[in-house]
Amino acid sequence: HEMSKAQKRKRLHNGDGDSKAPANKSTVDDTDPYPALLRPTAEECRDVRDALLSLHGFPSEFASYRRQRLRSIAVVDGDDTQSTVKSKPLSELAEEKDEKEESVLDGLVKILLSQNTTEANSQRAFASLKSAFPKWEEVLAAESKLIESAIRCGGLAPKKAVCIKNILNRLQNERGSLCLEYLRGLSAEEVKTELSHFKGIGPKTISCVLMFNLQHDDFPVDTHVFEIAKALGWVPKTADRNKTYVHLNRRIPDELKFDMNCLLYTHGKLCSNCKKSVAKPKAKAKVPSSDDCPLLRFSSLV
């Protein structure tokens, strides 16, 4: 069987689609690279989550994914999720029940399109792609230039178009259909192995698919999370993103990973005190000042 062979081949997830490093080596060593660094503690994680939730509320852009997680969890944590569900009016719960779950393939392409651009631009790029090619079979049959044109507003169109075509070609050739729903039946490690075989898909993209579309307890490390983790002293200043990913996934309690990740990402975009000194996308939401940043209680952020 193809999957049994795939699981025997070990690959290195050492970069996302825009990485220069190849993704087809051996698997990342999941041994904690900083075993003596006992931060963040579970209590610290909960305090950071609560502080950011109090400041920002839960980010609306991730709300549908959070509802999917709540529906998929058979046993929920009484402090975090049961009260959230019970407090909602019946009309809202009924509407959420009818909410269509995003396909894994749609989710993967959305994540790829979100690389190196703003949330608004990536959403426009995906909507444009689906408008031009409603079915993935149409994308597969289309010329790359037409795909590039459809997703141009999201930036890096030539590279992203090639990546999307590579994914669809591999799915068609290896599985005979343009569908990734089979990943729902795999463990997190099996998903990592399987997706690492797709050219242009790196560890952050895989982690995002695990967290958002497959409801696994995983903690992706994007630029915002990476910079805040270093500033808080959760990883050494010399840490790279792969080591940060391994360390944080071992230290952060599973039940806090999703909310914390969404909140750190949102805070990193909005807080001028925490924002990395790179291109700063304009946010319509109120941007907290340095004095408002609750993370200053945990470490001096510069």
C-alpha atoms as a PDB file:
ATOM      1  CA  HIS A   1       0.000   0.000   0.000  1.00  0.00           C
ATOM      2  CA  GLU A   2       1.174   3.510  -0.786  1.00  0.00           C
ATOM      3  CA  MET A   3       0.699   4.847   2.745  1.00  0.00           C
ATOM      4  CA  SER A   4       2.721   2.049   4.328  1.00  0.00           C
ATOM      5  CA  LYS A   5       5.586   2.861   2.002  1.00  0.00           C
ATOM      6  CA  ALA A   6       5.225   6.557   2.675  1.00  0.00           C
ATOM      7  CA  GLN A   7       5.396   6.045   6.394  1.00  0.00           C
ATOM      8  CA  LYS A   8       8.668   4.175   6.076  1.00  0.00           C
ATOM      9  CA  ARG A   9      10.315   7.036   4.246  1.00  0.00           C
ATOM     10  CA  LYS A  10      11.523   9.703   6.612  1.00  0.00           C
ATOM     11  CA  ARG A  11      11.530  13.279   5.423  1.00  0.00           C
ATOM     12  CA  LEU A  12      12.849  16.528   6.856  1.00  0.00           C
ATOM     13  CA  HIS A  13      10.259  19.287   7.223  1.00  0.00           C
ATOM     14  CA  ASN A  14      12.823  22.122   7.156  1.00  0.00           C
ATOM     15  CA  GLY A  15      11.103  24.952   5.422  1.00  0.00           C
ATOM     16  CA  ASP A  16       7.851  26.210   3.929  1.00  0.00           C
ATOM     17  CA  GLY A  17       7.056  26.800   0.296  1.00  0.00           C
ATOM     18  CA  ASP A  18       9.315  29.841   0.199  1.00  0.00           C
ATOM     19  CA  SER A  19      12.278  28.037   1.785  1.00  0.00           C
ATOM     20  CA  LYS A  20      15.386  27.399  -0.265  1.00  0.00           C
ATOM     21  CA  ALA A  21      16.041  24.153   1.567  1.00  0.00           C
ATOM     22  CA  PRO A  22      14.606  20.939   0.095  1.00  0.00           C
ATOM     23  CA  ALA A  23      11.869  19.265   2.102  1.00  0.00           C
ATOM     24  CA  ASN A  24      12.645  15.679   1.207  1.00  0.00           C
ATOM     25  CA  LYS A  25      15.328  14.570   3.603  1.00  0.00           C
ATOM     26  CA  SER A  26      14.823  12.807   6.940  1.00  0.00           C
ATOM     27  CA  THR A  27      12.224  13.656   9.570  1.00  0.00           C
ATOM     28  CA  VAL A  28      12.793  16.395  12.112  1.00  0.00           C
ATOM     29  CA  ASP A  29      14.082  15.121  15.420  1.00  0.00           C
ATOM     30  CA  ASP A  30      11.227  15.747  17.844  1.00  0.00           C
ATOM     31  CA  THR A  31      13.476  15.555  20.906  1.00  0.00           C
ATOM     32  CA  ASP A  32      13.184  18.796  22.852  1.00  0.00           C
ATOM     33  CA  PRO A  33      16.226  20.888  21.796  1.00  0.00           C
ATOM     34  CA  TYR A  34      16.109  22.807  25.088  1.00  0.00           C
ATOM     35  CA  PRO A  35      15.314  20.235  27.802  1.00  0.00           C
ATOM     36  CA  ALA A  36      16.747  22.437  30.560  1.00  0.00           C
ATOM     37  CA  LEU A  37      14.506  25.373  29.585  1.00  0.00           C
ATOM     38  CA  LEU A  38      11.343  24.818  31.608  1.00  0.00           C
ATOM     39  CA  ARG A  39       9.390  27.672  30.058  1.00  0.00           C
ATOM     40  CA  PRO A  40       6.738  28.328  29.196  1.00  0.00           C
ATOM     41  CA  THR A  41       5.088  26.657  32.159  1.00  0.00           C
ATOM     42  CA  ALA A  42       1.474  25.504  31.926  1.00  0.00           C
ATOM     43  CA  GLU A  43       0.472  28.288  34.328  1.00  0.00           C
ATOM     44  CA  GLU A  44       2.323  30.886  32.248  1.00  0.00           C
ATOM     45  CA  CYS A  45       0.619  29.655  29.084  1.00  0.00           C
ATOM     46  CA  ARG A  46      -2.792  29.956  30.693  1.00  0.00           C
ATOM     47  CA  ASP A  47      -2.002  33.445  32.012  1.00  0.00           C
ATOM     48  CA  VAL A  48      -0.785  34.620  28.589  1.00  0.00           C
ATOM     49  CA  ARG A  49      -3.853  33.126  26.909  1.00  0.00           C
ATOM     50  CA  ASP A  50      -6.193  34.817  29.390  1.00  0.00           C
ATOM     51  CA  ALA A  51      -4.407  38.177  29.141  1.00  0.00           C
ATOM     52  CA  LEU A  52      -4.544  38.240  25.347  1.00  0.00           C
ATOM     53  CA  LEU A  53      -8.134  37.017  25.296  1.00  0.00           C
ATOM     54  CA  SER A  54      -9.086  39.837  27.642  1.00  0.00           C
ATOM     55  CA  LEU A  55      -7.348  42.385  25.410  1.00  0.00           C
ATOM     56  CA  HIS A  56      -8.391  41.189  21.951  1.00  0.00           C
ATOM     57  CA  GLY A  57     -11.291  38.812  22.429  1.00  0.00           C
ATOM     58  CA  PHE A  58     -11.086  35.687  20.327  1.00  0.00           C
ATOM     59  CA  PRO A  59     -10.044  36.623  16.741  1.00  0.00           C
ATOM     60  CA  SER A  60     -13.073  36.476  14.447  1.00  0.00           C
ATOM     61  CA  GLU A  61     -11.006  35.194  11.504  1.00  0.00           C
ATOM     62  CA  PHE A  62     -10.382  31.938  13.393  1.00  0.00           C
ATOM     63  CA  ALA A  63     -13.834  31.590  14.981  1.00  0.00           C
ATOM     64  CA  SER A  64     -15.176  29.039  12.486  1.00  0.00           C
ATOM     65  CA  TYR A  65     -12.142  26.797  13.022  1.00  0.00           C
ATOM     66  CA  ARG A  66     -12.641  27.035  16.771  1.00  0.00           C
ATOM     67  CA  ARG A  67     -16.279  25.977  16.411  1.00  0.00           C
ATOM     68  CA  GLN A  68     -15.183  22.994  14.320  1.00  0.00           C
ATOM     69  CA  ARG A  69     -12.768  21.994  17.065  1.00  0.00           C
ATOM     70  CA  LEU A  70     -15.457  22.234  19.728  1.00  0.00           C
ATOM     71  CA  ARG A  71     -17.758  20.050  17.653  1.00  0.00           C
ATOM     72  CA  SER A  72     -15.018  17.483  17.099  1.00  0.00           C
ATOM     73  CA  ILE A  73     -14.027  17.143  20.747  1.00  0.00           C
ATOM     74  CA  ALA A  74     -15.942  14.370  22.489  1.00  0.00           C
ATOM     75  CA  VAL A  75     -14.647  15.245  25.964  1.00  0.00           C
ATOM     76  CA  VAL A  76     -14.251  18.973  26.506  1.00  0.00           C
ATOM     77  CA  ASP A  77     -12.421  20.892  29.179  1.00  0.00           C
ATOM     78  CA  GLY A  78     -14.965  22.259  31.639  1.00  0.00           C
ATOM     79  CA  ASP A  79     -13.130  25.535  32.222  1.00  0.00           C
ATOM     80  CA  ASP A  80     -12.517  26.433  28.601  1.00  0.00           C
ATOM     81  CA  THR A  81     -15.135  25.051  26.246  1.00  0.00           C
ATOM     82  CA  GLN A  82     -18.290  23.794  27.936  1.00  0.00           C
ATOM     83  CA  SER A  83     -19.124  27.229  29.301  1.00  0.00           C
ATOM     84  CA  THR A  84     -18.508  28.778  25.871  1.00  0.00           C
ATOM     85  CA  VAL A  85     -20.957  26.437  24.197  1.00  0.00           C
ATOM     86  CA  LYS A  86     -23.615  26.611  26.894  1.00  0.00           C
ATOM     87  CA  SER A  87     -23.605  30.406  26.978  1.00  0.00           C
ATOM     88  CA  LYS A  88     -24.649  30.750  23.319  1.00  0.00           C
ATOM     89  CA  PRO A  89     -28.299  31.238  22.236  1.00  0.00           C
ATOM     90  CA  LEU A  90     -30.012  28.305  20.546  1.00  0.00           C
ATOM     91  CA  SER A  91     -30.359  30.199  17.255  1.00  0.00           C
ATOM     92  CA  GLU A  92     -26.581  30.737  17.077  1.00  0.00           C
ATOM     93  CA  LEU A  93     -25.872  27.119  17.939  1.00  0.00           C
ATOM     94  CA  ALA A  94     -28.259  25.978  15.198  1.00  0.00           C
ATOM     95  CA  GLU A  95     -26.532  28.225  12.670  1.00  0.00           C
ATOM     96  CA  GLU A  96     -23.131  26.853  13.659  1.00  0.00           C
ATOM     97  CA  LYS A  97     -24.397  23.296  13.371  1.00  0.00           C
ATOM     98  CA  ASP A  98     -25.277  23.951   9.713  1.00  0.00           C
ATOM     99  CA  GLU A  99     -21.901  25.568   9.044  1.00  0.00           C
ATOM    100  CA  LYS A 100     -20.114  23.733   6.244  1.00  0.00           C
ATOM    101  CA  GLU A 101     -16.725  22.368   7.194  1.00  0.00           C
ATOM    102  CA  GLU A 102     -13.858  23.483   4.975  1.00  0.00           C
ATOM    103  CA  SER A 103     -12.264  20.683   2.962  1.00  0.00           C
ATOM    104  CA  VAL A 104      -8.663  19.800   3.785  1.00  0.00           C
ATOM    105  CA  LEU A 105      -7.557  20.643   0.248  1.00  0.00           C
ATOM    106  CA  ASP A 106      -9.249  24.055   0.392  1.00  0.00           C
ATOM    107  CA  GLY A 107      -7.587  24.675   3.740  1.00  0.00           C
ATOM    108  CA  LEU A 108      -4.143  23.696   2.477  1.00  0.00           C
ATOM    109  CA  VAL A 109      -4.379  25.999  -0.538  1.00  0.00           C
ATOM    110  CA  LYS A 110      -5.629  28.869   1.638  1.00  0.00           C
ATOM    111  CA  ILE A 111      -2.618  28.424   3.907  1.00  0.00           C
ATOM    112  CA  LEU A 112      -0.244  28.382   0.931  1.00  0.00           C
ATOM    113  CA  LEU A 113      -1.800  31.571  -0.426  1.00  0.00           C
ATOM    114  CA  SER A 114      -1.428  33.277   2.958  1.00  0.00           C
ATOM    115  CA  GLN A 115       2.368  33.081   2.836  1.00  0.00           C
ATOM    116  CA  ASN A 116       4.171  36.435   2.639  1.00  0.00           C
ATOM    117  CA  THR A 117       1.016  38.512   2.307  1.00  0.00           C
ATOM    118  CA  THR A 118      -1.826  39.966   4.353  1.00  0.00           C
ATOM    119  CA  GLU A 119      -4.914  38.050   5.435  1.00  0.00           C
ATOM    120  CA  ALA A 120      -7.095  40.258   3.211  1.00  0.00           C
ATOM    121  CA  ASN A 121      -4.948  39.671   0.131  1.00  0.00           C
ATOM    122  CA  SER A 122      -4.790  35.910   0.637  1.00  0.00           C
ATOM    123  CA  GLN A 123      -8.577  35.729   1.056  1.00  0.00           C
ATOM    124  CA  ARG A 124      -9.048  37.709  -2.158  1.00  0.00           C
ATOM    125  CA  ALA A 125      -6.596  35.411  -3.956  1.00  0.00           C
ATOM    126  CA  PHE A 126      -8.466  32.268  -2.892  1.00  0.00           C
ATOM    127  CA  ALA A 127     -11.846  33.774  -3.799  1.00  0.00           C
ATOM    128  CA  SER A 128     -10.459  34.806  -7.190  1.00  0.00           C
ATOM    129  CA  LEU A 129      -9.053  31.311  -7.794  1.00  0.00           C
ATOM    130  CA  LYS A 130     -12.354  29.619  -6.955  1.00  0.00           C
ATOM    131  CA  SER A 131     -14.272  32.128  -9.065  1.00  0.00           C
ATOM    132  CA  ALA A 132     -12.078  31.443 -12.093  1.00  0.00           C
ATOM    133  CA  PHE A 133     -11.912  27.672 -11.452  1.00  0.00           C
ATOM    134  CA  PRO A 134     -14.818  26.444  -9.263  1.00  0.00           C
ATOM    135  CA  LYS A 135     -13.535  22.858  -9.271  1.00  0.00           C
ATOM    136  CA  TRP A 136     -10.009  21.653  -8.484  1.00  0.00           C
ATOM    137  CA  GLU A 137     -10.122  19.549 -11.648  1.00  0.00           C
ATOM    138  CA  GLU A 138     -10.344  22.826 -13.576  1.00  0.00           C
ATOM    139  CA  VAL A 139      -7.288  24.192 -11.767  1.00  0.00           C
ATOM    140  CA  LEU A 140      -5.354  21.036 -12.624  1.00  0.00           C
ATOM    141  CA  ALA A 141      -6.260  21.369 -16.306  1.00  0.00           C
ATOM    142  CA  ALA A 142      -5.547  25.104 -16.475  1.00  0.00           C
ATOM    143  CA  GLU A 143      -2.337  26.674 -17.731  1.00  0.00           C
ATOM    144  CA  SER A 144      -0.079  27.971 -14.973  1.00  0.00           C
ATOM    145  CA  LYS A 145      -0.284  31.515 -16.345  1.00  0.00           C
ATOM    146  CA  LEU A 146      -4.061  31.518 -15.862  1.00  0.00           C
ATOM    147  CA  ILE A 147      -3.678  30.314 -12.278  1.00  0.00           C
ATOM    148  CA  GLU A 148      -1.057  32.991 -11.659  1.00  0.00           C
ATOM    149  CA  SER A 149      -3.423  35.632 -12.969  1.00  0.00           C
ATOM    150  CA  ALA A 150      -6.196  34.443 -10.664  1.00  0.00           C
ATOM    151  CA  ILE A 151      -4.045  34.567  -7.512  1.00  0.00           C
ATOM    152  CA  ARG A 152      -1.840  37.555  -8.408  1.00  0.00           C
ATOM    153  CA  CYS A 153      -3.357  39.782  -5.714  1.00  0.00           C
ATOM    154  CA  GLY A 154      -1.892  37.437  -3.086  1.00  0.00           C
ATOM    155  CA  GLY A 155       1.721  37.957  -4.168  1.00  0.00           C
ATOM    156  CA  LEU A 156       4.355  35.418  -5.270  1.00  0.00           C
ATOM    157  CA  ALA A 157       1.856  34.192  -7.856  1.00  0.00           C
ATOM    158  CA  PRO A 158       4.296  32.178 -10.054  1.00  0.00           C
ATOM    159  CA  LYS A 159       5.713  30.248  -7.100  1.00  0.00           C
ATOM    160  CA  LYS A 160       2.336  29.618  -5.479  1.00  0.00           C
ATOM    161  CA  ALA A 161       0.767  28.554  -8.778  1.00  0.00           C
ATOM    162  CA  VAL A 162       3.507  25.959  -9.304  1.00  0.00           C
ATOM    163  CA  CYS A 163       3.026  24.654  -5.751  1.00  0.00           C
ATOM    164  CA  ILE A 164      -0.737  24.313  -6.202  1.00  0.00           C
ATOM    165  CA  LYS A 165      -0.278  22.488  -9.509  1.00  0.00           C
ATOM    166  CA  ASN A 166       2.302  20.171  -7.930  1.00  0.00           C
ATOM    167  CA  ILE A 167      -0.140  19.256  -5.150  1.00  0.00           C
ATOM    168  CA  LEU A 168      -2.965  18.537  -7.588  1.00  0.00           C
ATOM    169  CA  ASN A 169      -0.737  16.564  -9.954  1.00  0.00           C
ATOM    170  CA  ARG A 170       0.564  14.377  -7.141  1.00  0.00           C
ATOM    171  CA  LEU A 171      -2.928  13.742  -5.790  1.00  0.00           C
ATOM    172  CA  GLN A 172      -4.192  12.777  -9.246  1.00  0.00           C
ATOM    173  CA  ASN A 173      -1.211  10.555 -10.003  1.00  0.00           C
ATOM    174  CA  GLU A 174      -0.882   8.895  -6.588  1.00  0.00           C
ATOM    175  CA  ARG A 175      -4.492   8.665  -5.412  1.00  0.00           C
ATOM    176  CA  GLY A 176      -6.611   9.151  -8.506  1.00  0.00           C
ATOM    177  CA  SER A 177      -8.691  12.004  -7.078  1.00  0.00           C
ATOM    178  CA  LEU A 178      -8.190  15.606  -5.997  1.00  0.00           C
ATOM    179  CA  CYS A 179      -9.057  15.111  -2.353  1.00  0.00           C
ATOM    180  CA  LEU A 180      -7.148  15.209   0.948  1.00  0.00           C
ATOM    181  CA  GLU A 181      -9.947  14.021   3.211  1.00  0.00           C
ATOM    182  CA  TYR A 182      -8.081  10.758   3.783  1.00  0.00           C
ATOM    183  CA  LEU A 183      -5.733  12.723   6.060  1.00  0.00           C
ATOM    184  CA  ARG A 184      -8.518  12.935   8.649  1.00  0.00           C
ATOM    185  CA  GLY A 185      -7.991   9.282   9.452  1.00  0.00           C
ATOM    186  CA  LEU A 186      -4.242   9.584  10.046  1.00  0.00           C
ATOM    187  CA  SER A 187      -2.225  10.419  13.147  1.00  0.00           C
ATOM    188  CA  ALA A 188      -0.363  13.738  13.340  1.00  0.00           C
ATOM    189  CA  GLU A 189       2.944  12.034  12.534  1.00  0.00           C
ATOM    190  CA  GLU A 190       1.410  10.201   9.577  1.00  0.00           C
ATOM    191  CA  VAL A 191       0.014  13.490   8.255  1.00  0.00           C
ATOM    192  CA  LYS A 192       3.450  15.109   8.554  1.00  0.00           C
ATOM    193  CA  THR A 193       5.036  12.232   6.651  1.00  0.00           C
ATOM    194  CA  GLU A 194       2.369  12.259   3.958  1.00  0.00           C
ATOM    195  CA  LEU A 195       2.333  16.032   3.357  1.00  0.00           C
ATOM    196  CA  SER A 196       6.128  16.256   3.353  1.00  0.00           C
ATOM    197  CA  HIS A 197       6.040  14.330   0.072  1.00  0.00           C
ATOM    198  CA  PHE A 198       4.322  17.265  -1.617  1.00  0.00           C
ATOM    199  CA  LYS A 199       6.907  19.612  -3.097  1.00  0.00           C
ATOM    200  CA  GLY A 200       6.760  23.119  -1.652  1.00  0.00           C
ATOM    201  CA  ILE A 201       4.929  22.220   1.572  1.00  0.00           C
ATOM    202  CA  GLY A 202       7.014  22.913   4.670  1.00  0.00           C
ATOM    203  CA  PRO A 203       6.606  22.352   8.419  1.00  0.00           C
ATOM    204  CA  LYS A 204       4.659  25.535   9.211  1.00  0.00           C
ATOM    205  CA  THR A 205       2.123  24.813   6.476  1.00  0.00           C
ATOM    206  CA  ILE A 206       1.758  21.216   7.677  1.00  0.00           C
ATOM    207  CA  SER A 207       1.330  22.367  11.274  1.00  0.00           C
ATOM    208  CA  CYS A 208      -1.373  24.841  10.212  1.00  0.00           C
ATOM    209  CA  VAL A 209      -3.271  22.102   8.369  1.00  0.00           C
ATOM    210  CA  LEU A 210      -3.002  19.890  11.457  1.00  0.00           C
ATOM    211  CA  MET A 211      -4.343  22.612  13.751  1.00  0.00           C
ATOM    212  CA  PHE A 212      -6.975  24.306  11.592  1.00  0.00           C
ATOM    213  CA  ASN A 213      -8.298  21.580   9.313  1.00  0.00           C
ATOM    214  CA  LEU A 214      -7.602  18.311  11.106  1.00  0.00           C
ATOM    215  CA  GLN A 215      -8.220  19.467  14.704  1.00  0.00           C
ATOM    216  CA  HIS A 216      -4.941  18.067  16.013  1.00  0.00           C
ATOM    217  CA  ASP A 217      -3.294  19.698  19.020  1.00  0.00           C
ATOM    218  CA  ASP A 218      -0.410  21.282  17.155  1.00  0.00           C
ATOM    219  CA  PHE A 219       1.253  24.687  17.547  1.00  0.00           C
ATOM    220  CA  PRO A 220       2.492  26.305  14.306  1.00  0.00           C
ATOM    221  CA  VAL A 221       5.335  28.822  14.566  1.00  0.00           C
ATOM    222  CA  ASP A 222       4.909  31.756  12.211  1.00  0.00           C
ATOM    223  CA  THR A 223       6.964  34.968  12.318  1.00  0.00           C
ATOM    224  CA  HIS A 224       4.794  36.585  15.004  1.00  0.00           C
ATOM    225  CA  VAL A 225       4.799  33.559  17.306  1.00  0.00           C
ATOM    226  CA  PHE A 226       8.529  33.064  16.750  1.00  0.00           C
ATOM    227  CA  GLU A 227       9.479  36.636  17.660  1.00  0.00           C
ATOM    228  CA  ILE A 228       7.237  36.761  20.732  1.00  0.00           C
ATOM    229  CA  ALA A 229       8.518  33.381  21.952  1.00  0.00           C
ATOM    230  CA  LYS A 230      12.112  34.647  21.781  1.00  0.00           C
ATOM    231  CA  ALA A 231      11.223  37.960  23.428  1.00  0.00           C
ATOM    232  CA  LEU A 232       9.451  36.179  26.285  1.00  0.00           C
ATOM    233  CA  GLY A 233      12.439  33.915  26.854  1.00  0.00           C
ATOM    234  CA  TRP A 234      10.521  30.785  25.936  1.00  0.00           C
ATOM    235  CA  VAL A 235      13.349  29.844  23.585  1.00  0.00           C
ATOM    236  CA  PRO A 236      16.921  31.183  23.315  1.00  0.00           C
ATOM    237  CA  LYS A 237      17.568  34.223  21.117  1.00  0.00           C
ATOM    238  CA  THR A 238      19.624  31.937  18.855  1.00  0.00           C
ATOM    239  CA  ALA A 239      16.751  29.480  18.317  1.00  0.00           C
ATOM    240  CA  ASP A 240      15.496  28.769  14.819  1.00  0.00           C
ATOM    241  CA  ARG A 241      11.866  28.172  13.913  1.00  0.00           C
ATOM    242  CA  ASN A 242      12.139  24.385  13.722  1.00  0.00           C
ATOM    243  CA  LYS A 243      13.608  24.127  17.231  1.00  0.00           C
ATOM    244  CA  THR A 244      11.088  26.653  18.517  1.00  0.00           C
ATOM    245  CA  TYR A 245       8.289  24.541  17.043  1.00  0.00           C
ATOM    246  CA  VAL A 246       9.522  21.375  18.757  1.00  0.00           C
ATOM    247  CA  HIS A 247      10.104  23.079  22.127  1.00  0.00           C
ATOM    248  CA  LEU A 248       6.794  24.929  22.251  1.00  0.00           C
ATOM    249  CA  ASN A 249       4.817  21.869  21.204  1.00  0.00           C
ATOM    250  CA  ARG A 250       6.343  19.991  24.116  1.00  0.00           C
ATOM    251  CA  ARG A 251       5.851  22.786  26.667  1.00  0.00           C
ATOM    252  CA  ILE A 252       2.404  24.204  25.829  1.00  0.00           C
ATOM    253  CA  PRO A 253      -0.534  22.124  27.139  1.00  0.00           C
ATOM    254  CA  ASP A 254      -2.566  20.608  24.304  1.00  0.00           C
ATOM    255  CA  GLU A 255      -5.827  22.192  25.444  1.00  0.00           C
ATOM    256  CA  LEU A 256      -4.311  25.675  25.198  1.00  0.00           C
ATOM    257  CA  LYS A 257      -2.488  25.374  21.876  1.00  0.00           C
ATOM    258  CA  PHE A 258      -5.237  26.466  19.507  1.00  0.00           C
ATOM    259  CA  ASP A 259      -6.420  29.545  21.384  1.00  0.00           C
ATOM    260  CA  MET A 260      -2.897  30.607  22.318  1.00  0.00           C
ATOM    261  CA  ASN A 261      -1.629  30.299  18.771  1.00  0.00           C
ATOM    262  CA  CYS A 262      -4.469  32.344  17.299  1.00  0.00           C
ATOM    263  CA  LEU A 263      -4.088  34.993  20.005  1.00  0.00           C
ATOM    264  CA  LEU A 264      -0.289  35.282  19.733  1.00  0.00           C
ATOM    265  CA  TYR A 265      -0.572  35.598  15.954  1.00  0.00           C
ATOM    266  CA  THR A 266      -3.214  38.304  16.272  1.00  0.00           C
ATOM    267  CA  HIS A 267      -1.323  40.149  18.996  1.00  0.00           C
ATOM    268  CA  GLY A 268       1.893  40.033  16.987  1.00  0.00           C
ATOM    269  CA  LYS A 269       0.112  41.732  14.094  1.00  0.00           C
ATOM    270  CA  LEU A 270      -1.568  44.422  16.180  1.00  0.00           C
ATOM    271  CA  CYS A 271       0.803  45.292  19.018  1.00  0.00           C
ATOM    272  CA  SER A 272       3.409  47.878  18.022  1.00  0.00           C
ATOM    273  CA  ASN A 273       5.517  46.782  20.977  1.00  0.00           C
ATOM    274  CA  CYS A 274       5.689  43.157  19.831  1.00  0.00           C
ATOM    275  CA  LYS A 275       5.581  43.610  16.082  1.00  0.00           C
ATOM    276  CA  LYS A 276       8.724  42.588  14.254  1.00  0.00           C
ATOM    277  CA  SER A 277      10.436  45.452  12.412  1.00  0.00           C
ATOM    278  CA  VAL A 278       9.383  44.286   8.962  1.00  0.00           C
ATOM    279  CA  ALA A 279       6.561  45.341   6.646  1.00  0.00           C
ATOM    280  CA  LYS A 280       3.655  46.210   8.904  1.00  0.00           C
ATOM    281  CA  PRO A 281       0.220  45.506   7.454  1.00  0.00           C
ATOM    282  CA  LYS A 282      -2.415  48.074   8.332  1.00  0.00           C
ATOM    283  CA  ALA A 283      -5.036  46.790  10.726  1.00  0.00           C
ATOM    284  CA  LYS A 284      -8.529  48.220  10.955  1.00  0.00           C
ATOM    285  CA  ALA A 285      -8.846  47.051  14.549  1.00  0.00           C
ATOM    286  CA  LYS A 286      -7.666  49.230  17.407  1.00  0.00           C
ATOM    287  CA  VAL A 287      -3.927  48.780  17.804  1.00  0.00           C
ATOM    288  CA  PRO A 288      -2.835  48.517  21.465  1.00  0.00           C
ATOM    289  CA  SER A 289      -0.102  50.873  22.582  1.00  0.00           C
ATOM    290  CA  SER A 290       3.060  49.693  24.326  1.00  0.00           C
ATOM    291  CA  ASP A 291       1.517  50.540  27.674  1.00  0.00           C
ATOM    292  CA  ASP A 292      -1.426  48.271  26.901  1.00  0.00           C
ATOM    293  CA  CYS A 293       0.676  45.210  26.038  1.00  0.00           C
ATOM    294  CA  PRO A 294      -0.062  42.551  28.663  1.00  0.00           C
ATOM    295  CA  LEU A 295       3.029  40.550  27.682  1.00  0.00           C
ATOM    296  CA  LEU A 296       5.225  43.170  29.330  1.00  0.00           C
ATOM    297  CA  ARG A 297       4.303  41.504  32.617  1.00  0.00           C
ATOM    298  CA  PHE A 298       6.052  38.325  31.466  1.00  0.00           C
ATOM    299  CA  SER A 299       9.175  39.770  29.882  1.00  0.00           C
ATOM    300  CA  SER A 300      10.648  42.988  28.514  1.00  0.00           C
ATOM    301  CA  LEU A 301       9.751  43.058  24.838  1.00  0.00           C
ATOM    302  CA  VAL A 302      11.777  45.255  22.537  1.00  0.00           C
END
